[in-house]
């Protein structure tokens, strides 16, 4: 048996210690926080250049930094946000072979609670409702543009989650909504190309429902906003699931389009 190389484990431990400290600085620092140069890091931590480079590789793997090589080298910091959370959650779900049908069911359980939470905000009339109604009017102008209409109508759902007061719920549900939106947008592009996108009347019905949800939120009727939202979500999801119910979630934006052979749609 070959003896392990000396020094490798200690260097890795040193790198992990440095990475832990830098990770804490990134996560707790200001939005414009920048890492010191490698020379400065070597001086500050009193460790070797290989240990610093290994620490940066750890952070790069986690998506917290991008290391630029060459004469203009350095490390660009990336603070985690909803998009990065959605990506990493998507990887976990994809690895577990979670289907779009399962994702949709989870959203039907969780997303309507965000509408109820928005209705409970004391400042909803000045913060939540104006943003929602602006989106509704924008969607109403796109009834004849399938893919663009879907993109804009999905922003209504993003706004509902974004205005949810509880940060934990906001981040968790936002990650799931981001994953679903990628799938639905791919669906819209595909059906628009095939000339099978749902009718103008169906798009108009979605706009009217969005407007009703906004009004229920404005009136502070949380239970009715939640009920209406859940019913609407189920109806819109069914259009996508009609084709892709058993397809697996894809965490990659490039891989969002379902890869199974498409089945003829029964809805026009």
C-alpha atoms as a PDB file:
ATOM      1  CA  UNK A   1       0.000   0.000   0.000  1.00  0.00           C
ATOM      2  CA  UNK A   2       1.330   3.403  -0.957  1.00  0.00           C
ATOM      3  CA  UNK A   3       1.824   5.730   2.009  1.00  0.00           C
ATOM      4  CA  UNK A   4      -0.199   8.972   1.854  1.00  0.00           C
ATOM      5  CA  UNK A   5       1.712  12.078   0.873  1.00  0.00           C
ATOM      6  CA  UNK A   6       2.756  14.129   3.854  1.00  0.00           C
ATOM      7  CA  UNK A   7       1.401  17.604   4.241  1.00  0.00           C
ATOM      8  CA  UNK A   8      -1.670  17.171   2.026  1.00  0.00           C
ATOM      9  CA  UNK A   9      -4.209  16.749   4.815  1.00  0.00           C
ATOM     10  CA  UNK A  10      -2.875  19.614   6.961  1.00  0.00           C
ATOM     11  CA  UNK A  11      -2.818  21.930   3.926  1.00  0.00           C
ATOM     12  CA  UNK A  12      -6.406  20.998   3.131  1.00  0.00           C
ATOM     13  CA  UNK A  13      -7.414  21.717   6.724  1.00  0.00           C
ATOM     14  CA  UNK A  14      -5.679  25.076   6.624  1.00  0.00           C
ATOM     15  CA  UNK A  15      -7.461  25.876   3.357  1.00  0.00           C
ATOM     16  CA  UNK A  16     -10.827  24.894   4.847  1.00  0.00           C
ATOM     17  CA  UNK A  17     -10.183  27.134   7.857  1.00  0.00           C
ATOM     18  CA  UNK A  18      -9.318  30.060   5.589  1.00  0.00           C
ATOM     19  CA  UNK A  19     -12.340  29.329   3.377  1.00  0.00           C
ATOM     20  CA  UNK A  20     -14.617  29.293   6.449  1.00  0.00           C
ATOM     21  CA  UNK A  21     -13.390  32.726   7.518  1.00  0.00           C
ATOM     22  CA  UNK A  22     -13.712  34.193   4.020  1.00  0.00           C
ATOM     23  CA  UNK A  23     -17.165  32.628   3.629  1.00  0.00           C
ATOM     24  CA  UNK A  24     -18.294  34.316   6.830  1.00  0.00           C
ATOM     25  CA  UNK A  25     -16.952  37.664   5.589  1.00  0.00           C
ATOM     26  CA  UNK A  26     -18.815  37.309   2.293  1.00  0.00           C
ATOM     27  CA  UNK A  27     -22.112  36.306   3.891  1.00  0.00           C
ATOM     28  CA  UNK A  28     -22.061  38.895   6.688  1.00  0.00           C
ATOM     29  CA  UNK A  29     -20.285  41.721   4.880  1.00  0.00           C
ATOM     30  CA  UNK A  30     -21.702  44.598   2.887  1.00  0.00           C
ATOM     31  CA  UNK A  31     -23.123  43.991  -0.575  1.00  0.00           C
ATOM     32  CA  UNK A  32     -20.024  45.577  -2.149  1.00  0.00           C
ATOM     33  CA  UNK A  33     -17.532  43.550  -0.097  1.00  0.00           C
ATOM     34  CA  UNK A  34     -14.433  42.558  -2.079  1.00  0.00           C
ATOM     35  CA  UNK A  35     -11.807  39.990  -1.180  1.00  0.00           C
ATOM     36  CA  UNK A  36      -8.245  41.189  -0.599  1.00  0.00           C
ATOM     37  CA  UNK A  37      -5.557  40.163  -3.074  1.00  0.00           C
ATOM     38  CA  UNK A  38      -3.866  36.795  -2.673  1.00  0.00           C
ATOM     39  CA  UNK A  39      -0.741  38.570  -1.438  1.00  0.00           C
ATOM     40  CA  UNK A  40      -2.783  40.303   1.251  1.00  0.00           C
ATOM     41  CA  UNK A  41      -4.551  37.071   2.201  1.00  0.00           C
ATOM     42  CA  UNK A  42      -1.220  35.267   2.571  1.00  0.00           C
ATOM     43  CA  UNK A  43      -0.044  38.072   4.839  1.00  0.00           C
ATOM     44  CA  UNK A  44      -3.279  38.298   6.860  1.00  0.00           C
ATOM     45  CA  UNK A  45      -3.625  34.558   7.504  1.00  0.00           C
ATOM     46  CA  UNK A  46       0.078  33.734   7.685  1.00  0.00           C
ATOM     47  CA  UNK A  47      -0.300  30.754   5.357  1.00  0.00           C
ATOM     48  CA  UNK A  48       1.182  29.665   2.042  1.00  0.00           C
ATOM     49  CA  UNK A  49      -0.032  30.621  -1.431  1.00  0.00           C
ATOM     50  CA  UNK A  50      -1.164  27.027  -2.177  1.00  0.00           C
ATOM     51  CA  UNK A  51      -3.394  27.132   0.927  1.00  0.00           C
ATOM     52  CA  UNK A  52      -4.948  30.417  -0.189  1.00  0.00           C
ATOM     53  CA  UNK A  53      -5.510  29.111  -3.705  1.00  0.00           C
ATOM     54  CA  UNK A  54      -7.107  25.954  -2.310  1.00  0.00           C
ATOM     55  CA  UNK A  55      -9.391  28.075  -0.086  1.00  0.00           C
ATOM     56  CA  UNK A  56     -10.467  30.122  -3.094  1.00  0.00           C
ATOM     57  CA  UNK A  57     -11.149  26.938  -5.053  1.00  0.00           C
ATOM     58  CA  UNK A  58     -13.440  25.776  -2.241  1.00  0.00           C
ATOM     59  CA  UNK A  59     -15.377  29.049  -2.365  1.00  0.00           C
ATOM     60  CA  UNK A  60     -15.479  28.932  -6.154  1.00  0.00           C
ATOM     61  CA  UNK A  61     -17.006  25.456  -6.036  1.00  0.00           C
ATOM     62  CA  UNK A  62     -19.687  26.845  -3.705  1.00  0.00           C
ATOM     63  CA  UNK A  63     -20.433  29.643  -6.166  1.00  0.00           C
ATOM     64  CA  UNK A  64     -19.352  32.374  -3.757  1.00  0.00           C
ATOM     65  CA  UNK A  65     -16.430  33.625  -5.845  1.00  0.00           C
ATOM     66  CA  UNK A  66     -15.158  33.531  -9.403  1.00  0.00           C
ATOM     67  CA  UNK A  67     -11.381  33.339  -9.606  1.00  0.00           C
ATOM     68  CA  UNK A  68      -9.860  35.166 -12.563  1.00  0.00           C
ATOM     69  CA  UNK A  69      -6.529  33.800 -13.694  1.00  0.00           C
ATOM     70  CA  UNK A  70      -3.702  35.534 -15.527  1.00  0.00           C
ATOM     71  CA  UNK A  71      -2.278  39.046 -15.337  1.00  0.00           C
ATOM     72  CA  UNK A  72      -5.628  40.521 -14.282  1.00  0.00           C
ATOM     73  CA  UNK A  73      -6.303  37.770 -11.764  1.00  0.00           C
ATOM     74  CA  UNK A  74      -8.375  38.162  -8.639  1.00  0.00           C
ATOM     75  CA  UNK A  75     -11.551  36.882  -7.028  1.00  0.00           C
ATOM     76  CA  UNK A  76     -14.975  38.337  -7.736  1.00  0.00           C
ATOM     77  CA  UNK A  77     -17.475  37.879  -4.900  1.00  0.00           C
ATOM     78  CA  UNK A  78     -21.013  36.577  -5.478  1.00  0.00           C
ATOM     79  CA  UNK A  79     -23.424  36.924  -2.569  1.00  0.00           C
ATOM     80  CA  UNK A  80     -26.112  34.211  -2.617  1.00  0.00           C
ATOM     81  CA  UNK A  81     -29.555  35.316  -3.793  1.00  0.00           C
ATOM     82  CA  UNK A  82     -32.854  33.741  -4.849  1.00  0.00           C
ATOM     83  CA  UNK A  83     -31.420  32.644  -8.206  1.00  0.00           C
ATOM     84  CA  UNK A  84     -28.438  30.849  -6.712  1.00  0.00           C
ATOM     85  CA  UNK A  85     -30.677  29.274  -4.073  1.00  0.00           C
ATOM     86  CA  UNK A  86     -33.005  28.039  -6.821  1.00  0.00           C
ATOM     87  CA  UNK A  87     -30.083  26.579  -8.756  1.00  0.00           C
ATOM     88  CA  UNK A  88     -28.687  24.609  -5.837  1.00  0.00           C
ATOM     89  CA  UNK A  89     -32.128  23.440  -4.756  1.00  0.00           C
ATOM     90  CA  UNK A  90     -32.777  22.482  -8.360  1.00  0.00           C
ATOM     91  CA  UNK A  91     -29.631  20.358  -8.401  1.00  0.00           C
ATOM     92  CA  UNK A  92     -30.819  18.512  -5.299  1.00  0.00           C
ATOM     93  CA  UNK A  93     -34.286  17.946  -6.751  1.00  0.00           C
ATOM     94  CA  UNK A  94     -32.887  16.887 -10.105  1.00  0.00           C
ATOM     95  CA  UNK A  95     -30.550  14.460  -8.367  1.00  0.00           C
ATOM     96  CA  UNK A  96     -33.555  13.015  -6.540  1.00  0.00           C
ATOM     97  CA  UNK A  97     -35.355  12.681  -9.898  1.00  0.00           C
ATOM     98  CA  UNK A  98     -38.221  14.896  -8.789  1.00  0.00           C
ATOM     99  CA  UNK A  99     -40.859  15.365 -11.491  1.00  0.00           C
ATOM    100  CA  UNK A 100     -42.546  18.563 -12.621  1.00  0.00           C
ATOM    101  CA  UNK A 101     -45.785  17.123 -11.286  1.00  0.00           C
ATOM    102  CA  UNK A 102     -44.265  16.839  -7.831  1.00  0.00           C
ATOM    103  CA  UNK A 103     -42.865  20.384  -8.036  1.00  0.00           C
ATOM    104  CA  UNK A 104     -46.281  21.684  -9.086  1.00  0.00           C
ATOM    105  CA  UNK A 105     -47.970  19.954  -6.155  1.00  0.00           C
ATOM    106  CA  UNK A 106     -45.469  21.486  -3.750  1.00  0.00           C
ATOM    107  CA  UNK A 107     -46.134  24.939  -5.142  1.00  0.00           C
ATOM    108  CA  UNK A 108     -49.893  24.465  -4.787  1.00  0.00           C
ATOM    109  CA  UNK A 109     -49.299  23.809  -1.097  1.00  0.00           C
ATOM    110  CA  UNK A 110     -46.913  26.687  -0.437  1.00  0.00           C
ATOM    111  CA  UNK A 111     -47.304  29.504  -2.965  1.00  0.00           C
ATOM    112  CA  UNK A 112     -50.936  30.456  -2.104  1.00  0.00           C
ATOM    113  CA  UNK A 113     -49.806  31.064   1.486  1.00  0.00           C
ATOM    114  CA  UNK A 114     -47.706  33.919   0.119  1.00  0.00           C
ATOM    115  CA  UNK A 115     -50.815  35.578  -1.309  1.00  0.00           C
ATOM    116  CA  UNK A 116     -52.458  35.337   2.118  1.00  0.00           C
ATOM    117  CA  UNK A 117     -49.359  36.802   3.748  1.00  0.00           C
ATOM    118  CA  UNK A 118     -49.396  39.723   1.300  1.00  0.00           C
ATOM    119  CA  UNK A 119     -53.057  40.380   2.212  1.00  0.00           C
ATOM    120  CA  UNK A 120     -52.003  40.602   5.841  1.00  0.00           C
ATOM    121  CA  UNK A 121     -49.421  43.331   5.275  1.00  0.00           C
ATOM    122  CA  UNK A 122     -50.388  46.658   6.789  1.00  0.00           C
ATOM    123  CA  UNK A 123     -48.632  48.498   3.932  1.00  0.00           C
ATOM    124  CA  UNK A 124     -50.114  46.370   1.133  1.00  0.00           C
ATOM    125  CA  UNK A 125     -51.974  49.299  -0.446  1.00  0.00           C
ATOM    126  CA  UNK A 126     -48.758  51.227  -1.047  1.00  0.00           C
ATOM    127  CA  UNK A 127     -46.265  48.440  -1.689  1.00  0.00           C
ATOM    128  CA  UNK A 128     -47.839  45.185  -2.863  1.00  0.00           C
ATOM    129  CA  UNK A 129     -50.970  46.202  -4.747  1.00  0.00           C
ATOM    130  CA  UNK A 130     -49.473  48.897  -7.035  1.00  0.00           C
ATOM    131  CA  UNK A 131     -46.770  46.470  -8.208  1.00  0.00           C
ATOM    132  CA  UNK A 132     -49.323  43.730  -8.841  1.00  0.00           C
ATOM    133  CA  UNK A 133     -51.731  45.968 -10.766  1.00  0.00           C
ATOM    134  CA  UNK A 134     -48.909  47.393 -12.874  1.00  0.00           C
ATOM    135  CA  UNK A 135     -47.990  43.846 -13.871  1.00  0.00           C
ATOM    136  CA  UNK A 136     -51.636  43.015 -14.617  1.00  0.00           C
ATOM    137  CA  UNK A 137     -51.940  45.950 -17.009  1.00  0.00           C
ATOM    138  CA  UNK A 138     -48.673  45.032 -18.687  1.00  0.00           C
ATOM    139  CA  UNK A 139     -49.883  41.450 -19.141  1.00  0.00           C
ATOM    140  CA  UNK A 140     -53.169  42.682 -20.637  1.00  0.00           C
ATOM    141  CA  UNK A 141     -51.201  44.341 -23.429  1.00  0.00           C
ATOM    142  CA  UNK A 142     -49.538  41.036 -24.404  1.00  0.00           C
ATOM    143  CA  UNK A 143     -52.536  38.749 -24.889  1.00  0.00           C
ATOM    144  CA  UNK A 144     -51.553  37.989 -28.486  1.00  0.00           C
ATOM    145  CA  UNK A 145     -47.872  37.318 -27.771  1.00  0.00           C
ATOM    146  CA  UNK A 146     -47.784  33.846 -26.230  1.00  0.00           C
ATOM    147  CA  UNK A 147     -44.227  33.468 -24.929  1.00  0.00           C
ATOM    148  CA  UNK A 148     -43.934  37.105 -23.855  1.00  0.00           C
ATOM    149  CA  UNK A 149     -47.336  36.946 -22.163  1.00  0.00           C
ATOM    150  CA  UNK A 150     -46.253  33.890 -20.163  1.00  0.00           C
ATOM    151  CA  UNK A 151     -43.024  35.601 -19.127  1.00  0.00           C
ATOM    152  CA  UNK A 152     -44.863  38.684 -17.889  1.00  0.00           C
ATOM    153  CA  UNK A 153     -47.699  36.753 -16.260  1.00  0.00           C
ATOM    154  CA  UNK A 154     -45.151  34.663 -14.368  1.00  0.00           C
ATOM    155  CA  UNK A 155     -43.733  37.892 -12.961  1.00  0.00           C
ATOM    156  CA  UNK A 156     -47.037  38.328 -11.118  1.00  0.00           C
ATOM    157  CA  UNK A 157     -46.192  35.174  -9.159  1.00  0.00           C
ATOM    158  CA  UNK A 158     -42.664  36.448  -8.526  1.00  0.00           C
ATOM    159  CA  UNK A 159     -44.114  39.661  -7.101  1.00  0.00           C
ATOM    160  CA  UNK A 160     -46.428  37.796  -4.747  1.00  0.00           C
ATOM    161  CA  UNK A 161     -43.508  35.822  -3.330  1.00  0.00           C
ATOM    162  CA  UNK A 162     -41.161  38.818  -3.271  1.00  0.00           C
ATOM    163  CA  UNK A 163     -43.622  40.745  -1.095  1.00  0.00           C
ATOM    164  CA  UNK A 164     -44.040  37.897   1.391  1.00  0.00           C
ATOM    165  CA  UNK A 165     -42.902  39.328   4.749  1.00  0.00           C
ATOM    166  CA  UNK A 166     -41.260  36.170   6.133  1.00  0.00           C
ATOM    167  CA  UNK A 167     -37.754  35.900   4.698  1.00  0.00           C
ATOM    168  CA  UNK A 168     -37.469  32.131   5.180  1.00  0.00           C
ATOM    169  CA  UNK A 169     -40.714  31.477   3.324  1.00  0.00           C
ATOM    170  CA  UNK A 170     -39.773  34.032   0.677  1.00  0.00           C
ATOM    171  CA  UNK A 171     -36.453  32.390  -0.147  1.00  0.00           C
ATOM    172  CA  UNK A 172     -37.782  28.838  -0.083  1.00  0.00           C
ATOM    173  CA  UNK A 173     -40.872  29.469  -2.199  1.00  0.00           C
ATOM    174  CA  UNK A 174     -39.018  31.843  -4.520  1.00  0.00           C
ATOM    175  CA  UNK A 175     -36.554  29.051  -5.324  1.00  0.00           C
ATOM    176  CA  UNK A 176     -39.398  26.706  -6.274  1.00  0.00           C
ATOM    177  CA  UNK A 177     -41.169  29.411  -8.292  1.00  0.00           C
ATOM    178  CA  UNK A 178     -37.954  30.139 -10.200  1.00  0.00           C
ATOM    179  CA  UNK A 179     -37.635  26.461 -11.117  1.00  0.00           C
ATOM    180  CA  UNK A 180     -41.248  26.242 -12.239  1.00  0.00           C
ATOM    181  CA  UNK A 181     -41.091  29.492 -14.233  1.00  0.00           C
ATOM    182  CA  UNK A 182     -38.171  28.145 -16.271  1.00  0.00           C
ATOM    183  CA  UNK A 183     -40.211  25.082 -17.186  1.00  0.00           C
ATOM    184  CA  UNK A 184     -43.335  27.084 -18.005  1.00  0.00           C
ATOM    185  CA  UNK A 185     -41.405  29.557 -20.136  1.00  0.00           C
ATOM    186  CA  UNK A 186     -39.917  26.667 -22.135  1.00  0.00           C
ATOM    187  CA  UNK A 187     -43.441  25.295 -22.567  1.00  0.00           C
ATOM    188  CA  UNK A 188     -44.703  28.672 -23.833  1.00  0.00           C
ATOM    189  CA  UNK A 189     -41.888  29.013 -26.361  1.00  0.00           C
ATOM    190  CA  UNK A 190     -42.500  25.495 -27.647  1.00  0.00           C
ATOM    191  CA  UNK A 191     -46.258  25.905 -28.046  1.00  0.00           C
ATOM    192  CA  UNK A 192     -45.902  29.339 -29.622  1.00  0.00           C
ATOM    193  CA  UNK A 193     -43.531  27.872 -32.187  1.00  0.00           C
ATOM    194  CA  UNK A 194     -46.000  25.065 -32.906  1.00  0.00           C
ATOM    195  CA  UNK A 195     -48.970  27.432 -33.095  1.00  0.00           C
ATOM    196  CA  UNK A 196     -50.654  25.630 -30.194  1.00  0.00           C
ATOM    197  CA  UNK A 197     -50.403  28.267 -27.477  1.00  0.00           C
ATOM    198  CA  UNK A 198     -53.646  28.598 -25.453  1.00  0.00           C
ATOM    199  CA  UNK A 199     -56.246  30.959 -26.858  1.00  0.00           C
ATOM    200  CA  UNK A 200     -56.447  34.703 -26.335  1.00  0.00           C
ATOM    201  CA  UNK A 201     -59.563  34.097 -24.225  1.00  0.00           C
ATOM    202  CA  UNK A 202     -57.631  31.843 -21.853  1.00  0.00           C
ATOM    203  CA  UNK A 203     -54.860  34.407 -21.518  1.00  0.00           C
ATOM    204  CA  UNK A 204     -57.430  37.113 -20.825  1.00  0.00           C
ATOM    205  CA  UNK A 205     -59.026  34.910 -18.158  1.00  0.00           C
ATOM    206  CA  UNK A 206     -55.638  34.617 -16.445  1.00  0.00           C
ATOM    207  CA  UNK A 207     -55.285  38.397 -16.456  1.00  0.00           C
ATOM    208  CA  UNK A 208     -58.745  38.818 -14.928  1.00  0.00           C
ATOM    209  CA  UNK A 209     -57.896  36.320 -12.209  1.00  0.00           C
ATOM    210  CA  UNK A 210     -54.646  38.116 -11.430  1.00  0.00           C
ATOM    211  CA  UNK A 211     -56.621  41.330 -11.092  1.00  0.00           C
ATOM    212  CA  UNK A 212     -59.086  39.657  -8.724  1.00  0.00           C
ATOM    213  CA  UNK A 213     -56.264  38.306  -6.583  1.00  0.00           C
ATOM    214  CA  UNK A 214     -54.739  41.778  -6.378  1.00  0.00           C
ATOM    215  CA  UNK A 215     -58.091  43.225  -5.269  1.00  0.00           C
ATOM    216  CA  UNK A 216     -58.551  40.531  -2.609  1.00  0.00           C
ATOM    217  CA  UNK A 217     -55.091  41.331  -1.295  1.00  0.00           C
ATOM    218  CA  UNK A 218     -55.896  45.034  -1.345  1.00  0.00           C
ATOM    219  CA  UNK A 219     -59.067  44.369   0.694  1.00  0.00           C
ATOM    220  CA  UNK A 220     -57.101  42.298   3.198  1.00  0.00           C
ATOM    221  CA  UNK A 221     -59.165  39.174   2.575  1.00  0.00           C
ATOM    222  CA  UNK A 222     -56.365  36.691   3.148  1.00  0.00           C
ATOM    223  CA  UNK A 223     -58.441  33.499   3.062  1.00  0.00           C
ATOM    224  CA  UNK A 224     -60.136  34.436  -0.213  1.00  0.00           C
ATOM    225  CA  UNK A 225     -56.851  35.561  -1.770  1.00  0.00           C
ATOM    226  CA  UNK A 226     -55.309  32.211  -0.836  1.00  0.00           C
ATOM    227  CA  UNK A 227     -58.281  30.225  -2.153  1.00  0.00           C
ATOM    228  CA  UNK A 228     -58.425  32.094  -5.437  1.00  0.00           C
ATOM    229  CA  UNK A 229     -54.664  31.874  -5.892  1.00  0.00           C
ATOM    230  CA  UNK A 230     -54.614  28.114  -5.303  1.00  0.00           C
ATOM    231  CA  UNK A 231     -57.437  27.554  -7.790  1.00  0.00           C
ATOM    232  CA  UNK A 232     -55.708  29.725 -10.395  1.00  0.00           C
ATOM    233  CA  UNK A 233     -52.364  27.999  -9.857  1.00  0.00           C
ATOM    234  CA  UNK A 234     -53.921  24.574 -10.322  1.00  0.00           C
ATOM    235  CA  UNK A 235     -55.591  25.653 -13.578  1.00  0.00           C
ATOM    236  CA  UNK A 236     -52.460  27.191 -15.113  1.00  0.00           C
ATOM    237  CA  UNK A 237     -50.203  24.345 -14.015  1.00  0.00           C
ATOM    238  CA  UNK A 238     -52.489  21.815 -15.679  1.00  0.00           C
ATOM    239  CA  UNK A 239     -51.659  23.273 -19.092  1.00  0.00           C
ATOM    240  CA  UNK A 240     -47.962  22.560 -18.607  1.00  0.00           C
ATOM    241  CA  UNK A 241     -48.431  19.243 -16.825  1.00  0.00           C
ATOM    242  CA  UNK A 242     -50.635  18.031 -19.652  1.00  0.00           C
ATOM    243  CA  UNK A 243     -47.408  17.503 -21.600  1.00  0.00           C
ATOM    244  CA  UNK A 244     -44.659  17.326 -19.022  1.00  0.00           C
ATOM    245  CA  UNK A 245     -46.117  15.912 -15.796  1.00  0.00           C
ATOM    246  CA  UNK A 246     -43.628  13.024 -15.547  1.00  0.00           C
ATOM    247  CA  UNK A 247     -40.584  14.937 -16.829  1.00  0.00           C
ATOM    248  CA  UNK A 248     -37.720  15.513 -14.397  1.00  0.00           C
ATOM    249  CA  UNK A 249     -36.816  18.919 -13.049  1.00  0.00           C
ATOM    250  CA  UNK A 250     -33.770  20.484 -14.689  1.00  0.00           C
ATOM    251  CA  UNK A 251     -31.700  22.914 -12.644  1.00  0.00           C
ATOM    252  CA  UNK A 252     -29.911  24.262 -15.719  1.00  0.00           C
ATOM    253  CA  UNK A 253     -31.569  27.132 -17.627  1.00  0.00           C
ATOM    254  CA  UNK A 254     -30.307  25.551 -20.840  1.00  0.00           C
ATOM    255  CA  UNK A 255     -31.852  22.271 -19.804  1.00  0.00           C
ATOM    256  CA  UNK A 256     -35.214  23.661 -18.759  1.00  0.00           C
ATOM    257  CA  UNK A 257     -36.911  22.535 -21.937  1.00  0.00           C
ATOM    258  CA  UNK A 258     -38.349  19.060 -21.397  1.00  0.00           C
ATOM    259  CA  UNK A 259     -36.393  16.405 -23.243  1.00  0.00           C
ATOM    260  CA  UNK A 260     -39.040  13.730 -23.690  1.00  0.00           C
ATOM    261  CA  UNK A 261     -40.907  13.473 -26.968  1.00  0.00           C
ATOM    262  CA  UNK A 262     -43.866  15.831 -26.915  1.00  0.00           C
ATOM    263  CA  UNK A 263     -47.374  14.469 -26.854  1.00  0.00           C
ATOM    264  CA  UNK A 264     -50.141  16.195 -28.810  1.00  0.00           C
ATOM    265  CA  UNK A 265     -51.980  18.795 -26.770  1.00  0.00           C
ATOM    266  CA  UNK A 266     -55.721  18.633 -26.267  1.00  0.00           C
ATOM    267  CA  UNK A 267     -55.932  22.334 -25.429  1.00  0.00           C
ATOM    268  CA  UNK A 268     -55.727  25.109 -27.956  1.00  0.00           C
END
